[in-house]
C-alpha atoms as a PDB file:
ATOM      1  CA  MET A   1      10.851  32.007  15.029  1.00  0.00           C
ATOM      2  CA  LYS A   2      12.964  30.062  12.557  1.00  0.00           C
ATOM      3  CA  ASP A   3      11.400  28.683   9.402  1.00  0.00           C
ATOM      4  CA  CYS A   4      10.713  24.971   9.350  1.00  0.00           C
ATOM      5  CA  LYS A   5      12.445  22.842   6.705  1.00  0.00           C
ATOM      6  CA  VAL A   6      11.344  19.459   5.371  1.00  0.00           C
ATOM      7  CA  LEU A   7      13.588  17.059   3.479  1.00  0.00           C
ATOM      8  CA  THR A   8      11.588  14.533   1.466  1.00  0.00           C
ATOM      9  CA  ILE A   9      13.278  11.536  -0.125  1.00  0.00           C
ATOM     10  CA  GLN A  10      11.336   9.442  -2.651  1.00  0.00           C
ATOM     11  CA  ASP A  11      11.014   8.893  -6.372  1.00  0.00           C
ATOM     12  CA  TYR A  12       9.991  11.534  -8.889  1.00  0.00           C
ATOM     13  CA  SER A  13       7.435  10.317 -11.418  1.00  0.00           C
ATOM     14  CA  SER A  14       7.123  13.121 -13.931  1.00  0.00           C
ATOM     15  CA  PHE A  15       3.574  12.184 -14.970  1.00  0.00           C
ATOM     16  CA  GLY A  16       1.013  10.624 -12.675  1.00  0.00           C
ATOM     17  CA  GLN A  17       0.591  12.843  -9.596  1.00  0.00           C
ATOM     18  CA  CYS A  18       2.383  10.838  -6.936  1.00  0.00           C
ATOM     19  CA  SER A  19       5.545  10.855  -4.822  1.00  0.00           C
ATOM     20  CA  LEU A  20       7.659  14.026  -5.189  1.00  0.00           C
ATOM     21  CA  SER A  21       5.374  15.528  -7.823  1.00  0.00           C
ATOM     22  CA  VAL A  22       2.729  15.618  -5.065  1.00  0.00           C
ATOM     23  CA  ALA A  23       4.853  16.182  -1.950  1.00  0.00           C
ATOM     24  CA  LEU A  24       6.799  19.201  -3.198  1.00  0.00           C
ATOM     25  CA  PRO A  25       3.842  21.375  -4.305  1.00  0.00           C
ATOM     26  CA  ILE A  26       1.538  20.426  -1.421  1.00  0.00           C
ATOM     27  CA  ILE A  27       4.009  20.965   1.429  1.00  0.00           C
ATOM     28  CA  SER A  28       5.346  24.121  -0.238  1.00  0.00           C
ATOM     29  CA  ALA A  29       1.809  25.491  -0.667  1.00  0.00           C
ATOM     30  CA  MET A  30       1.375  25.044   3.081  1.00  0.00           C
ATOM     31  CA  GLY A  31       4.199  27.549   3.583  1.00  0.00           C
ATOM     32  CA  ILE A  32       6.970  25.081   4.375  1.00  0.00           C
ATOM     33  CA  GLU A  33      10.386  25.140   2.707  1.00  0.00           C
ATOM     34  CA  THR A  34      10.648  21.725   1.081  1.00  0.00           C
ATOM     35  CA  ILE A  35      13.878  20.158  -0.124  1.00  0.00           C
ATOM     36  CA  SER A  36      13.161  17.239  -2.454  1.00  0.00           C
ATOM     37  CA  LEU A  37      15.768  14.551  -3.061  1.00  0.00           C
ATOM     38  CA  PRO A  38      14.755  11.991  -5.732  1.00  0.00           C
ATOM     39  CA  ILE A  39      15.957   8.400  -5.433  1.00  0.00           C
ATOM     40  CA  ALA A  40      14.816   7.703  -9.008  1.00  0.00           C
ATOM     41  CA  LEU A  41      13.427   9.561 -11.992  1.00  0.00           C
ATOM     42  CA  LEU A  42      10.529   7.959 -13.871  1.00  0.00           C
ATOM     43  CA  SER A  43       8.632   9.151 -16.905  1.00  0.00           C
ATOM     44  CA  THR A  44       5.401   7.948 -15.228  1.00  0.00           C
ATOM     45  CA  HIS A  45       4.541   5.989 -12.124  1.00  0.00           C
ATOM     46  CA  THR A  46       4.357   2.216 -12.438  1.00  0.00           C
ATOM     47  CA  SER A  47       0.617   1.628 -11.929  1.00  0.00           C
ATOM     48  CA  GLY A  48      -1.256   1.210 -15.186  1.00  0.00           C
ATOM     49  CA  PHE A  49       1.526   2.404 -17.458  1.00  0.00           C
ATOM     50  CA  GLU A  50       3.742   0.308 -19.708  1.00  0.00           C
ATOM     51  CA  GLY A  51       7.106   1.268 -21.187  1.00  0.00           C
ATOM     52  CA  TYR A  52       7.945   3.837 -18.529  1.00  0.00           C
ATOM     53  CA  THR A  53      11.548   5.000 -18.226  1.00  0.00           C
ATOM     54  CA  TYR A  54      13.519   4.661 -14.979  1.00  0.00           C
ATOM     55  CA  VAL A  55      16.773   6.303 -13.922  1.00  0.00           C
ATOM     56  CA  ASP A  56      18.232   5.106 -10.608  1.00  0.00           C
ATOM     57  CA  LEU A  57      19.568   7.979  -8.465  1.00  0.00           C
ATOM     58  CA  LYS A  58      20.114   6.223  -5.149  1.00  0.00           C
ATOM     59  CA  ASP A  59      23.907   6.658  -5.395  1.00  0.00           C
ATOM     60  CA  ASN A  60      23.355  10.413  -5.227  1.00  0.00           C
ATOM     61  CA  VAL A  61      21.532  10.350  -1.885  1.00  0.00           C
ATOM     62  CA  ILE A  62      24.513  10.268   0.505  1.00  0.00           C
ATOM     63  CA  PRO A  63      26.694  12.720  -1.494  1.00  0.00           C
ATOM     64  CA  ALA A  64      23.778  15.138  -1.756  1.00  0.00           C
ATOM     65  CA  VAL A  65      23.023  15.009   1.968  1.00  0.00           C
ATOM     66  CA  ASN A  66      26.712  15.363   2.810  1.00  0.00           C
ATOM     67  CA  HIS A  67      26.619  18.525   0.703  1.00  0.00           C
ATOM     68  CA  TYR A  68      23.591  19.785   2.638  1.00  0.00           C
ATOM     69  CA  LYS A  69      25.460  19.115   5.872  1.00  0.00           C
ATOM     70  CA  SER A  70      28.504  21.055   4.614  1.00  0.00           C
ATOM     71  CA  LEU A  71      26.223  24.007   3.877  1.00  0.00           C
ATOM     72  CA  GLY A  72      24.932  23.963   7.439  1.00  0.00           C
ATOM     73  CA  LEU A  73      21.421  22.959   6.367  1.00  0.00           C
ATOM     74  CA  ASN A  74      19.265  21.450   9.072  1.00  0.00           C
ATOM     75  CA  PHE A  75      15.904  19.735   8.697  1.00  0.00           C
ATOM     76  CA  ASP A  76      13.019  19.631  11.143  1.00  0.00           C
ATOM     77  CA  TYR A  77      11.334  16.734   9.350  1.00  0.00           C
ATOM     78  CA  ILE A  78      12.519  13.979   7.039  1.00  0.00           C
ATOM     79  CA  TYR A  79       9.620  12.548   5.065  1.00  0.00           C
ATOM     80  CA  LEU A  80      10.222   9.262   3.250  1.00  0.00           C
ATOM     81  CA  GLY A  81       7.991   7.942   0.497  1.00  0.00           C
ATOM     82  CA  TYR A  82       8.623   5.305  -2.150  1.00  0.00           C
ATOM     83  CA  LEU A  83      12.228   4.070  -1.848  1.00  0.00           C
ATOM     84  CA  GLY A  84      11.935   0.958  -3.985  1.00  0.00           C
ATOM     85  CA  ALA A  85      14.924  -1.149  -2.885  1.00  0.00           C
ATOM     86  CA  SER A  86      16.794  -2.283   0.214  1.00  0.00           C
ATOM     87  CA  GLU A  87      19.949  -0.541  -1.035  1.00  0.00           C
ATOM     88  CA  THR A  88      18.121   2.770  -1.000  1.00  0.00           C
ATOM     89  CA  VAL A  89      16.933   2.135   2.548  1.00  0.00           C
ATOM     90  CA  LYS A  90      20.564   1.629   3.571  1.00  0.00           C
ATOM     91  CA  ALA A  91      21.439   5.017   2.097  1.00  0.00           C
ATOM     92  CA  VAL A  92      18.551   6.654   3.928  1.00  0.00           C
ATOM     93  CA  ASN A  93      19.713   5.094   7.193  1.00  0.00           C
ATOM     94  CA  GLU A  94      22.997   6.971   6.694  1.00  0.00           C
ATOM     95  CA  VAL A  95      21.000  10.183   6.168  1.00  0.00           C
ATOM     96  CA  ARG A  96      19.240   9.513   9.447  1.00  0.00           C
ATOM     97  CA  LYS A  97      22.596   9.305  11.226  1.00  0.00           C
ATOM     98  CA  LEU A  98      23.518  12.746   9.893  1.00  0.00           C
ATOM     99  CA  TYR A  99      20.217  14.259  11.085  1.00  0.00           C
ATOM    100  CA  PRO A 100      19.280  12.342  14.251  1.00  0.00           C
ATOM    101  CA  ASP A 101      17.137  15.171  15.646  1.00  0.00           C
ATOM    102  CA  ALA A 102      14.833  15.479  12.636  1.00  0.00           C
ATOM    103  CA  GLN A 103      11.364  13.994  13.058  1.00  0.00           C
ATOM    104  CA  LEU A 104      11.169  10.992  10.721  1.00  0.00           C
ATOM    105  CA  ILE A 105       7.878  10.338   8.917  1.00  0.00           C
ATOM    106  CA  VAL A 106       7.786   7.120   6.907  1.00  0.00           C
ATOM    107  CA  ASP A 107       5.287   6.115   4.262  1.00  0.00           C
ATOM    108  CA  PRO A 108       6.443   2.499   3.656  1.00  0.00           C
ATOM    109  CA  ALA A 109       5.238   2.591   0.052  1.00  0.00           C
ATOM    110  CA  MET A 110       5.479  -0.933  -1.336  1.00  0.00           C
ATOM    111  CA  ALA A 111       2.033  -2.472  -1.927  1.00  0.00           C
ATOM    112  CA  GLU A 112      -1.628  -1.866  -2.753  1.00  0.00           C
ATOM    113  CA  ASN A 113      -4.648  -4.178  -2.770  1.00  0.00           C
ATOM    114  CA  GLY A 114      -2.545  -7.025  -1.406  1.00  0.00           C
ATOM    115  CA  GLN A 115       0.050  -6.836  -4.199  1.00  0.00           C
ATOM    116  CA  PHE A 116       3.614  -5.507  -4.229  1.00  0.00           C
ATOM    117  CA  TYR A 117       4.294  -2.505  -6.431  1.00  0.00           C
ATOM    118  CA  ASP A 118       6.264  -3.250  -9.573  1.00  0.00           C
ATOM    119  CA  GLY A 119       9.918  -3.832  -8.682  1.00  0.00           C
ATOM    120  CA  ILE A 120       9.427  -4.376  -4.935  1.00  0.00           C
ATOM    121  CA  THR A 121      10.808  -7.654  -3.526  1.00  0.00           C
ATOM    122  CA  GLU A 122      10.271  -9.528  -0.257  1.00  0.00           C
ATOM    123  CA  ASP A 123      13.552  -8.354   1.269  1.00  0.00           C
ATOM    124  CA  PHE A 124      12.357  -4.761   1.076  1.00  0.00           C
ATOM    125  CA  VAL A 125       9.757  -5.403   3.808  1.00  0.00           C
ATOM    126  CA  GLU A 126      12.375  -6.079   6.468  1.00  0.00           C
ATOM    127  CA  SER A 127      14.471  -3.119   5.317  1.00  0.00           C
ATOM    128  CA  ILE A 128      11.663  -0.573   5.437  1.00  0.00           C
ATOM    129  CA  ALA A 129      10.530  -1.950   8.804  1.00  0.00           C
ATOM    130  CA  THR A 130      13.841  -0.774  10.289  1.00  0.00           C
ATOM    131  CA  LEU A 131      13.025   2.798   9.244  1.00  0.00           C
ATOM    132  CA  CYS A 132       9.454   2.551  10.535  1.00  0.00           C
ATOM    133  CA  LYS A 133      10.834   1.599  13.960  1.00  0.00           C
ATOM    134  CA  LYS A 134      12.874   4.826  14.006  1.00  0.00           C
ATOM    135  CA  SER A 135       9.994   7.020  12.861  1.00  0.00           C
ATOM    136  CA  TYR A 136       7.956   9.622  14.681  1.00  0.00           C
ATOM    137  CA  ILE A 137       5.023   8.148  12.785  1.00  0.00           C
ATOM    138  CA  ALA A 138       4.633   5.508  10.064  1.00  0.00           C
ATOM    139  CA  LEU A 139       1.848   5.680   7.485  1.00  0.00           C
ATOM    140  CA  PRO A 140       1.201   2.235   5.970  1.00  0.00           C
ATOM    141  CA  ASN A 141      -1.902   1.405   3.993  1.00  0.00           C
ATOM    142  CA  LEU A 142      -3.668  -1.838   4.897  1.00  0.00           C
ATOM    143  CA  SER A 143      -1.597  -3.949   2.490  1.00  0.00           C
ATOM    144  CA  GLU A 144       1.640  -2.527   3.880  1.00  0.00           C
ATOM    145  CA  ALA A 145       0.503  -2.949   7.481  1.00  0.00           C
ATOM    146  CA  CYS A 146      -0.215  -6.622   6.783  1.00  0.00           C
ATOM    147  CA  LEU A 147       3.232  -7.103   5.253  1.00  0.00           C
ATOM    148  CA  LEU A 148       4.956  -5.363   8.164  1.00  0.00           C
ATOM    149  CA  SER A 149       2.987  -7.344  10.758  1.00  0.00           C
ATOM    150  CA  GLY A 150       2.934 -10.714   8.977  1.00  0.00           C
ATOM    151  CA  ALA A 151      -0.861 -10.715   8.791  1.00  0.00           C
ATOM    152  CA  GLU A 152      -2.831 -12.121   5.870  1.00  0.00           C
ATOM    153  CA  TYR A 153      -4.328  -9.423   3.687  1.00  0.00           C
ATOM    154  CA  SER A 154      -8.053  -9.172   3.063  1.00  0.00           C
ATOM    155  CA  ARG A 155     -10.010  -6.320   1.500  1.00  0.00           C
ATOM    156  CA  ILE A 156     -12.702  -6.574   4.183  1.00  0.00           C
ATOM    157  CA  GLN A 157     -11.420  -6.387   7.750  1.00  0.00           C
ATOM    158  CA  THR A 158     -13.203  -6.664  11.071  1.00  0.00           C
ATOM    159  CA  LYS A 159     -12.268  -4.318  13.874  1.00  0.00           C
ATOM    160  CA  GLU A 160     -10.819  -7.271  15.798  1.00  0.00           C
ATOM    161  CA  SER A 161      -8.508  -8.238  12.935  1.00  0.00           C
ATOM    162  CA  VAL A 162      -7.268  -4.663  12.578  1.00  0.00           C
ATOM    163  CA  LEU A 163      -6.613  -4.493  16.316  1.00  0.00           C
ATOM    164  CA  SER A 164      -4.570  -7.679  15.953  1.00  0.00           C
ATOM    165  CA  ILE A 165      -2.511  -6.070  13.175  1.00  0.00           C
ATOM    166  CA  CYS A 166      -1.949  -3.011  15.375  1.00  0.00           C
ATOM    167  CA  ARG A 167      -0.740  -5.168  18.268  1.00  0.00           C
ATOM    168  CA  HIS A 168       1.665  -7.054  15.996  1.00  0.00           C
ATOM    169  CA  LEU A 169       3.016  -3.825  14.503  1.00  0.00           C
ATOM    170  CA  ALA A 170       3.567  -2.395  17.977  1.00  0.00           C
ATOM    171  CA  LYS A 171       5.450  -5.538  19.019  1.00  0.00           C
ATOM    172  CA  THR A 172       7.870  -5.019  16.123  1.00  0.00           C
ATOM    173  CA  GLY A 173       8.863  -1.699  17.691  1.00  0.00           C
ATOM    174  CA  ILE A 174       6.847   0.782  15.608  1.00  0.00           C
ATOM    175  CA  LYS A 175       5.730   3.291  18.221  1.00  0.00           C
ATOM    176  CA  ARG A 176       3.122   5.329  16.363  1.00  0.00           C
ATOM    177  CA  PHE A 177       1.325   4.674  13.097  1.00  0.00           C
ATOM    178  CA  VAL A 178      -1.751   5.278  10.985  1.00  0.00           C
ATOM    179  CA  ILE A 179      -3.184   2.475   8.854  1.00  0.00           C
ATOM    180  CA  THR A 180      -5.141   3.877   5.924  1.00  0.00           C
ATOM    181  CA  GLY A 181      -7.533   2.285   3.434  1.00  0.00           C
ATOM    182  CA  ILE A 182      -9.299  -0.159   5.787  1.00  0.00           C
ATOM    183  CA  ARG A 183     -12.503  -1.419   4.156  1.00  0.00           C
ATOM    184  CA  MET A 184     -14.872  -2.842   6.726  1.00  0.00           C
ATOM    185  CA  GLN A 185     -18.342  -4.206   6.069  1.00  0.00           C
ATOM    186  CA  ASP A 186     -19.922  -0.991   7.318  1.00  0.00           C
ATOM    187  CA  GLY A 187     -17.559   1.488   5.649  1.00  0.00           C
ATOM    188  CA  MET A 188     -14.045   2.874   5.376  1.00  0.00           C
ATOM    189  CA  ARG A 189     -11.801   3.502   8.361  1.00  0.00           C
ATOM    190  CA  LEU A 190      -8.302   4.425   9.278  1.00  0.00           C
ATOM    191  CA  ALA A 191      -6.707   3.181  12.478  1.00  0.00           C
ATOM    192  CA  TYR A 192      -4.452   5.459  14.511  1.00  0.00           C
ATOM    193  CA  TYR A 193      -2.165   3.781  17.057  1.00  0.00           C
ATOM    194  CA  ASP A 194      -0.299   5.766  19.689  1.00  0.00           C
ATOM    195  CA  ASN A 195       0.937   4.767  23.145  1.00  0.00           C
ATOM    196  CA  ASP A 196      -0.984   1.459  23.287  1.00  0.00           C
ATOM    197  CA  ASN A 197      -4.224   3.139  22.227  1.00  0.00           C
ATOM    198  CA  VAL A 198      -6.033   2.481  18.937  1.00  0.00           C
ATOM    199  CA  LYS A 199      -8.518   4.985  17.562  1.00  0.00           C
ATOM    200  CA  PHE A 200     -10.687   4.201  14.536  1.00  0.00           C
ATOM    201  CA  ILE A 201     -11.640   7.195  12.401  1.00  0.00           C
ATOM    202  CA  ASP A 202     -14.455   6.990   9.860  1.00  0.00           C
ATOM    203  CA  THR A 203     -13.596   8.115   6.342  1.00  0.00           C
ATOM    204  CA  GLN A 204     -15.857   8.628   3.361  1.00  0.00           C
ATOM    205  CA  GLU A 205     -15.651   5.981   0.662  1.00  0.00           C
ATOM    206  CA  VAL A 206     -15.869   6.954  -2.998  1.00  0.00           C
ATOM    207  CA  LYS A 207     -16.184   3.968  -5.307  1.00  0.00           C
ATOM    208  CA  GLY A 208     -13.055   3.280  -7.343  1.00  0.00           C
ATOM    209  CA  ASP A 209      -9.290   3.093  -6.918  1.00  0.00           C
ATOM    210  CA  PHE A 210      -7.606   6.471  -6.583  1.00  0.00           C
ATOM    211  CA  LEU A 211      -3.896   6.267  -7.261  1.00  0.00           C
ATOM    212  CA  GLY A 212      -1.713   8.627  -5.257  1.00  0.00           C
ATOM    213  CA  SER A 213      -4.229   9.191  -2.462  1.00  0.00           C
ATOM    214  CA  GLY A 214      -1.713   7.933   0.116  1.00  0.00           C
ATOM    215  CA  ASP A 215       0.888  10.400  -1.162  1.00  0.00           C
ATOM    216  CA  VAL A 216      -1.576  13.276  -0.865  1.00  0.00           C
ATOM    217  CA  PHE A 217      -2.597  12.197   2.640  1.00  0.00           C
ATOM    218  CA  ALA A 218       1.006  11.852   3.832  1.00  0.00           C
ATOM    219  CA  SER A 219       2.121  15.142   2.289  1.00  0.00           C
ATOM    220  CA  VAL A 220      -0.681  17.097   3.951  1.00  0.00           C
ATOM    221  CA  LEU A 221       0.035  15.419   7.281  1.00  0.00           C
ATOM    222  CA  VAL A 222       3.710  16.407   7.040  1.00  0.00           C
ATOM    223  CA  GLY A 223       2.825  19.958   6.058  1.00  0.00           C
ATOM    224  CA  ALA A 224       0.377  20.276   8.946  1.00  0.00           C
ATOM    225  CA  LEU A 225       2.882  18.990  11.496  1.00  0.00           C
ATOM    226  CA  ALA A 226       5.497  21.371  10.113  1.00  0.00           C
ATOM    227  CA  ASN A 227       2.971  24.176  10.726  1.00  0.00           C
ATOM    228  CA  ASN A 228       3.024  23.249  14.432  1.00  0.00           C
ATOM    229  CA  LEU A 229      -0.372  21.558  14.453  1.00  0.00           C
ATOM    230  CA  ASP A 230      -0.601  18.585  16.777  1.00  0.00           C
ATOM    231  CA  LEU A 231      -0.993  15.072  15.434  1.00  0.00           C
ATOM    232  CA  SER A 232      -4.762  14.938  15.951  1.00  0.00           C
ATOM    233  CA  GLN A 233      -5.284  18.227  14.097  1.00  0.00           C
ATOM    234  CA  SER A 234      -2.906  17.134  11.342  1.00  0.00           C
ATOM    235  CA  LEU A 235      -4.749  13.858  10.821  1.00  0.00           C
ATOM    236  CA  ASP A 236      -8.087  15.649  10.660  1.00  0.00           C
ATOM    237  CA  LEU A 237      -6.768  18.106   8.077  1.00  0.00           C
ATOM    238  CA  ALA A 238      -5.187  15.351   5.962  1.00  0.00           C
ATOM    239  CA  ILE A 239      -8.383  13.276   6.009  1.00  0.00           C
ATOM    240  CA  LYS A 240     -10.636  16.181   5.023  1.00  0.00           C
ATOM    241  CA  TYR A 241      -8.373  17.354   2.224  1.00  0.00           C
ATOM    242  CA  THR A 242      -7.771  13.897   0.777  1.00  0.00           C
ATOM    243  CA  GLN A 243     -11.489  13.099   0.817  1.00  0.00           C
ATOM    244  CA  ARG A 244     -12.384  16.361  -0.935  1.00  0.00           C
ATOM    245  CA  THR A 245      -9.680  15.785  -3.544  1.00  0.00           C
ATOM    246  CA  ILE A 246     -10.894  12.223  -4.197  1.00  0.00           C
ATOM    247  CA  GLU A 247     -14.437  13.565  -4.665  1.00  0.00           C
ATOM    248  CA  ILE A 248     -13.245  16.143  -7.208  1.00  0.00           C
ATOM    249  CA  THR A 249     -11.140  13.555  -9.046  1.00  0.00           C
ATOM    250  CA  SER A 250     -14.015  11.062  -9.182  1.00  0.00           C
ATOM    251  CA  GLN A 251     -15.994  13.503 -11.332  1.00  0.00           C
ATOM    252  CA  ASP A 252     -13.440  13.157 -14.158  1.00  0.00           C
ATOM    253  CA  LYS A 253     -13.539   9.569 -15.407  1.00  0.00           C
ATOM    254  CA  GLU A 254     -10.578  10.198 -17.732  1.00  0.00           C
ATOM    255  CA  HIS A 255      -8.325  11.123 -14.822  1.00  0.00           C
ATOM    256  CA  TRP A 256      -7.503   7.644 -13.491  1.00  0.00           C
ATOM    257  CA  TYR A 257      -3.754   8.064 -12.874  1.00  0.00           C
ATOM    258  CA  GLY A 258      -3.660  10.354  -9.822  1.00  0.00           C
ATOM    259  CA  LEU A 259      -5.562  12.877  -7.724  1.00  0.00           C
ATOM    260  CA  LYS A 260      -6.369  16.333  -9.067  1.00  0.00           C
ATOM    261  CA  PHE A 261      -4.836  17.981  -6.012  1.00  0.00           C
ATOM    262  CA  GLU A 262      -4.087  21.177  -7.940  1.00  0.00           C
ATOM    263  CA  LYS A 263      -7.833  21.936  -8.036  1.00  0.00           C
ATOM    264  CA  THR A 264      -8.221  21.721  -4.270  1.00  0.00           C
ATOM    265  CA  ILE A 265      -5.167  23.639  -3.017  1.00  0.00           C
ATOM    266  CA  PRO A 266      -7.373  26.644  -2.069  1.00  0.00           C
ATOM    267  CA  TYR A 267      -9.467  24.313   0.102  1.00  0.00           C
ATOM    268  CA  LEU A 268      -6.277  23.010   1.742  1.00  0.00           C
ATOM    269  CA  LEU A 269      -5.164  26.516   2.644  1.00  0.00           C
ATOM    270  CA  THR A 270      -8.607  27.302   4.058  1.00  0.00           C
ATOM    271  CA  LEU A 271      -8.437  24.199   6.262  1.00  0.00           C
ATOM    272  CA  LEU A 272      -4.912  25.083   7.370  1.00  0.00           C
ATOM    273  CA  ASN A 273      -5.789  28.662   8.248  1.00  0.00           C
ATOM    274  CA  GLN A 274      -8.870  27.520  10.193  1.00  0.00           C
ATOM    275  CA  ALA A 275      -6.817  24.989  12.165  1.00  0.00           C
ATOM    276  CA  LYS A 276      -4.091  27.542  12.957  1.00  0.00           C
ATOM    277  CA  THR A 277      -6.718  30.064  14.088  1.00  0.00           C
ATOM    278  CA  LEU A 278      -8.373  27.531  16.399  1.00  0.00           C
ATOM    279  CA  ASP A 279      -4.953  26.576  17.767  1.00  0.00           C
ATOM    280  CA  LYS A 280      -4.220  30.102  19.009  1.00  0.00           C
END
């Protein structure tokens, strides 16, 4: 059986435990060869830091992927995280044309708590929506799902309002998606939409904002799928691992800038091995 390869395209924030600095070690630890292609290099991520440095690398995306193609490299999955600008989305669309058979997983990283990330503009929403429509699965948080569907954001959502968002997202042409970070009056949920069905999954809430939790969740999901787990198993694994990592991080009040995923990698591998055993 051939080894699975994942190409992940997003920014690299050197300090702050997000984007490529999370995706590369997590997916690699799960036994998957991971090729990381940065669209930008930052000294830190943009949440809570001032004076960070930023080097734009989007012009390298197409030449780099053309080089991969010339080497005969093929990818089973293309995982997209923070892209930052419509111009970068255009470059990634060209990548998609070169690898039409790769499963596309899109985290439309652009907003949190109802606010755009630093540097994101309104035109980016329409651009990233085009990639979500081509994806095997899209992974918006609640803020991003509202932007993609045109719904008004609120921190507390009823089940009916989330169902409305799901219907609007489906009408835009996004076939399969998971909405994370839904705070309802009776607890946290994520909503999983597939083939006109919506499933709500309870998640454990730990008080506080945990930067990078979406990147950890998405990376584990990609790694699980690349290990031939089905989508339901992959979601379960990603939820359990992200929750455990948030719990560990919450015990260190000085560690506000990301999740301490390095501490919980052994737990991730235990979960993965258990899932693969049950799948036999």
